[in-house]
Amino acid sequence: MIQVRVKLTFPESLVRTPILAQLVREFDLEPNIRRADVEEHRGWIVCEIDGEPAALEAGLDWLREQGIVVDLLGDLLEG
């Protein structure tokens, strides 16, 4: 199991979409929201995401495919 800290920046078209819920269901990942600023036309979330390395990589790739900007914040932590 590893943990990564990321900033997810959402375009206006995805602000109301339950992206983190889909991430949990489809990739068996566990996000922990540390900060967020979500408004009608934009939004960002800083969160720690725990999961198996392959699932984490696939989940981050999926977020990017959805149009979300994924910025890695710091190092990966193994747990």
N, C-alpha and C. Protein backbone atom coordinates (compact mmCIF):
# COMPACT_ATOMS: atom_id res chain seq x y z
N MET A 1 0.85 -1.17 0.00
CA MET A 1 0.00 0.00 0.00
C MET A 1 0.90 1.24 0.00
N ILE A 2 0.56 2.21 -0.84
CA ILE A 2 1.29 3.48 -0.86
C ILE A 2 0.32 4.63 -0.77
N GLN A 3 0.87 5.81 -0.48
CA GLN A 3 0.05 7.01 -0.40
C GLN A 3 0.70 8.10 -1.22
N VAL A 4 -0.11 8.85 -1.93
CA VAL A 4 0.38 10.00 -2.69
C VAL A 4 -0.48 11.20 -2.33
N ARG A 5 0.15 12.36 -2.28
CA ARG A 5 -0.59 13.60 -2.04
C ARG A 5 -0.70 14.33 -3.37
N VAL A 6 -1.91 14.72 -3.75
CA VAL A 6 -2.16 15.34 -5.05
C VAL A 6 -3.06 16.55 -4.90
N LYS A 7 -2.96 17.43 -5.89
CA LYS A 7 -3.93 18.50 -6.05
C LYS A 7 -4.69 18.20 -7.33
N LEU A 8 -5.99 18.11 -7.22
CA LEU A 8 -6.86 17.83 -8.35
C LEU A 8 -7.58 19.12 -8.71
N THR A 9 -7.41 19.58 -9.95
CA THR A 9 -8.06 20.80 -10.41
C THR A 9 -9.12 20.42 -11.44
N PHE A 10 -10.36 20.79 -11.14
CA PHE A 10 -11.51 20.38 -11.94
C PHE A 10 -11.94 21.48 -12.90
N PRO A 11 -12.22 21.11 -14.15
CA PRO A 11 -12.82 22.08 -15.07
C PRO A 11 -14.29 22.30 -14.69
N GLU A 12 -14.86 23.36 -15.18
CA GLU A 12 -16.24 23.69 -14.85
C GLU A 12 -17.20 22.53 -15.15
N SER A 13 -16.95 21.82 -16.23
CA SER A 13 -17.87 20.74 -16.63
C SER A 13 -17.90 19.57 -15.64
N LEU A 14 -16.90 19.46 -14.76
CA LEU A 14 -16.85 18.33 -13.83
C LEU A 14 -17.05 18.71 -12.37
N VAL A 15 -17.31 19.97 -12.10
CA VAL A 15 -17.42 20.42 -10.71
C VAL A 15 -18.51 19.67 -9.95
N ARG A 16 -19.61 19.35 -10.60
CA ARG A 16 -20.72 18.67 -9.92
C ARG A 16 -20.70 17.15 -10.07
N THR A 17 -19.67 16.60 -10.68
CA THR A 17 -19.57 15.16 -10.91
C THR A 17 -18.91 14.49 -9.70
N PRO A 18 -19.44 13.37 -9.22
CA PRO A 18 -18.87 12.69 -8.05
C PRO A 18 -17.61 11.88 -8.42
N ILE A 19 -16.57 12.59 -8.80
CA ILE A 19 -15.34 11.96 -9.28
C ILE A 19 -14.68 11.09 -8.21
N LEU A 20 -14.57 11.59 -6.98
CA LEU A 20 -13.90 10.80 -5.94
C LEU A 20 -14.68 9.53 -5.61
N ALA A 21 -15.99 9.59 -5.65
CA ALA A 21 -16.80 8.39 -5.42
C ALA A 21 -16.52 7.34 -6.50
N GLN A 22 -16.41 7.78 -7.74
CA GLN A 22 -16.09 6.86 -8.83
C GLN A 22 -14.69 6.29 -8.66
N LEU A 23 -13.75 7.11 -8.22
CA LEU A 23 -12.37 6.67 -7.99
C LEU A 23 -12.33 5.56 -6.93
N VAL A 24 -13.09 5.73 -5.87
CA VAL A 24 -13.15 4.73 -4.81
C VAL A 24 -13.74 3.42 -5.33
N ARG A 25 -14.87 3.50 -6.04
CA ARG A 25 -15.55 2.30 -6.51
C ARG A 25 -14.76 1.55 -7.58
N GLU A 26 -14.22 2.28 -8.54
CA GLU A 26 -13.59 1.63 -9.69
C GLU A 26 -12.14 1.20 -9.45
N PHE A 27 -11.43 1.87 -8.54
CA PHE A 27 -10.02 1.57 -8.37
C PHE A 27 -9.65 1.14 -6.95
N ASP A 28 -10.64 1.04 -6.07
CA ASP A 28 -10.40 0.62 -4.68
C ASP A 28 -9.34 1.49 -4.01
N LEU A 29 -9.45 2.80 -4.21
CA LEU A 29 -8.53 3.75 -3.61
C LEU A 29 -9.24 4.48 -2.48
N GLU A 30 -8.45 5.02 -1.55
CA GLU A 30 -9.01 5.71 -0.40
C GLU A 30 -8.50 7.15 -0.34
N PRO A 31 -9.31 8.12 -0.79
CA PRO A 31 -8.89 9.51 -0.72
C PRO A 31 -9.19 10.12 0.65
N ASN A 32 -8.32 10.98 1.10
CA ASN A 32 -8.50 11.73 2.34
C ASN A 32 -8.36 13.20 1.97
N ILE A 33 -9.46 13.92 1.94
CA ILE A 33 -9.45 15.34 1.53
C ILE A 33 -8.83 16.17 2.64
N ARG A 34 -7.79 16.92 2.28
CA ARG A 34 -7.09 17.77 3.23
C ARG A 34 -7.50 19.24 3.09
N ARG A 35 -7.76 19.66 1.86
CA ARG A 35 -8.21 21.03 1.58
C ARG A 35 -9.03 21.00 0.31
N ALA A 36 -9.91 21.97 0.18
CA ALA A 36 -10.69 22.05 -1.05
C ALA A 36 -11.27 23.45 -1.20
N ASP A 37 -11.49 23.80 -2.44
CA ASP A 37 -12.16 25.05 -2.79
C ASP A 37 -12.98 24.75 -4.04
N VAL A 38 -14.27 24.62 -3.85
CA VAL A 38 -15.15 24.25 -4.96
C VAL A 38 -16.21 25.34 -5.10
N GLU A 39 -16.28 25.90 -6.28
CA GLU A 39 -17.27 26.92 -6.60
C GLU A 39 -18.03 26.48 -7.84
N GLU A 40 -18.95 27.30 -8.28
CA GLU A 40 -19.80 26.93 -9.40
C GLU A 40 -19.02 26.69 -10.69
N HIS A 41 -17.98 27.47 -10.94
CA HIS A 41 -17.27 27.41 -12.22
C HIS A 41 -15.89 26.77 -12.16
N ARG A 42 -15.44 26.41 -10.98
CA ARG A 42 -14.12 25.79 -10.87
C ARG A 42 -14.00 25.11 -9.52
N GLY A 43 -12.98 24.28 -9.39
CA GLY A 43 -12.76 23.65 -8.10
C GLY A 43 -11.42 22.95 -8.05
N TRP A 44 -10.89 22.83 -6.84
CA TRP A 44 -9.68 22.05 -6.63
C TRP A 44 -9.77 21.36 -5.28
N ILE A 45 -9.08 20.24 -5.20
CA ILE A 45 -9.04 19.45 -3.98
C ILE A 45 -7.60 19.02 -3.77
N VAL A 46 -7.09 19.19 -2.56
CA VAL A 46 -5.81 18.60 -2.18
C VAL A 46 -6.16 17.40 -1.32
N CYS A 47 -5.68 16.24 -1.73
CA CYS A 47 -6.00 15.04 -0.96
C CYS A 47 -4.84 14.05 -0.98
N GLU A 48 -4.87 13.18 0.00
CA GLU A 48 -3.96 12.05 0.06
C GLU A 48 -4.76 10.86 -0.44
N ILE A 49 -4.15 10.08 -1.32
CA ILE A 49 -4.85 8.91 -1.85
C ILE A 49 -4.02 7.68 -1.52
N ASP A 50 -4.63 6.71 -0.84
CA ASP A 50 -3.99 5.46 -0.47
C ASP A 50 -4.47 4.35 -1.39
N GLY A 51 -3.56 3.43 -1.72
CA GLY A 51 -3.96 2.28 -2.51
C GLY A 51 -2.76 1.46 -2.96
N GLU A 52 -3.06 0.38 -3.63
CA GLU A 52 -2.01 -0.45 -4.21
C GLU A 52 -1.37 0.32 -5.37
N PRO A 53 -0.06 0.14 -5.58
CA PRO A 53 0.64 0.93 -6.61
C PRO A 53 0.00 0.89 -8.00
N ALA A 54 -0.38 -0.28 -8.48
CA ALA A 54 -0.97 -0.38 -9.82
C ALA A 54 -2.33 0.32 -9.87
N ALA A 55 -3.13 0.17 -8.82
CA ALA A 55 -4.45 0.81 -8.78
C ALA A 55 -4.30 2.32 -8.69
N LEU A 56 -3.32 2.77 -7.94
CA LEU A 56 -3.09 4.20 -7.80
C LEU A 56 -2.68 4.81 -9.13
N GLU A 57 -1.78 4.16 -9.82
CA GLU A 57 -1.35 4.65 -11.14
C GLU A 57 -2.52 4.68 -12.12
N ALA A 58 -3.31 3.62 -12.13
CA ALA A 58 -4.46 3.55 -13.03
C ALA A 58 -5.50 4.62 -12.68
N GLY A 59 -5.72 4.83 -11.38
CA GLY A 59 -6.68 5.84 -10.95
C GLY A 59 -6.26 7.25 -11.32
N LEU A 60 -4.97 7.57 -11.16
CA LEU A 60 -4.48 8.89 -11.53
C LEU A 60 -4.55 9.10 -13.04
N ASP A 61 -4.24 8.05 -13.80
CA ASP A 61 -4.37 8.14 -15.26
C ASP A 61 -5.83 8.38 -15.65
N TRP A 62 -6.75 7.68 -14.99
CA TRP A 62 -8.17 7.85 -15.28
C TRP A 62 -8.62 9.28 -14.98
N LEU A 63 -8.16 9.85 -13.85
CA LEU A 63 -8.51 11.23 -13.53
C LEU A 63 -8.06 12.17 -14.64
N ARG A 64 -6.85 11.97 -15.13
CA ARG A 64 -6.34 12.81 -16.23
C ARG A 64 -7.18 12.64 -17.49
N GLU A 65 -7.58 11.42 -17.78
CA GLU A 65 -8.42 11.15 -18.96
C GLU A 65 -9.77 11.87 -18.86
N GLN A 66 -10.26 12.06 -17.64
CA GLN A 66 -11.54 12.75 -17.44
C GLN A 66 -11.42 14.25 -17.66
N GLY A 67 -10.18 14.78 -17.70
CA GLY A 67 -9.98 16.20 -17.89
C GLY A 67 -9.56 16.93 -16.62
N ILE A 68 -9.22 16.17 -15.59
CA ILE A 68 -8.79 16.75 -14.33
C ILE A 68 -7.27 16.90 -14.35
N VAL A 69 -6.79 18.06 -13.92
CA VAL A 69 -5.35 18.28 -13.82
C VAL A 69 -4.89 17.67 -12.50
N VAL A 70 -3.91 16.75 -12.58
CA VAL A 70 -3.38 16.07 -11.40
C VAL A 70 -1.96 16.55 -11.16
N ASP A 71 -1.75 17.24 -10.05
CA ASP A 71 -0.42 17.70 -9.67
C ASP A 71 0.03 16.89 -8.46
N LEU A 72 1.16 16.21 -8.58
CA LEU A 72 1.71 15.47 -7.45
C LEU A 72 2.36 16.46 -6.49
N LEU A 73 2.08 16.30 -5.21
CA LEU A 73 2.62 17.18 -4.18
C LEU A 73 3.50 16.34 -3.25
N GLY A 74 4.78 16.35 -3.45
CA GLY A 74 5.67 15.59 -2.58
C GLY A 74 5.90 14.18 -3.07
N ASP A 75 6.47 13.39 -2.19
CA ASP A 75 6.89 12.02 -2.50
C ASP A 75 5.79 11.02 -2.23
N LEU A 76 5.96 9.84 -2.82
CA LEU A 76 5.09 8.71 -2.50
C LEU A 76 5.49 8.17 -1.15
N LEU A 77 4.54 7.79 -0.35
CA LEU A 77 4.83 7.22 0.96
C LEU A 77 4.36 5.78 0.98
N GLU A 78 5.25 4.87 1.36
CA GLU A 78 4.86 3.47 1.48
C GLU A 78 4.39 3.21 2.88
N GLY A 79 3.34 2.41 2.99
CA GLY A 79 2.80 2.13 4.32
C GLY A 79 2.59 0.67 4.55
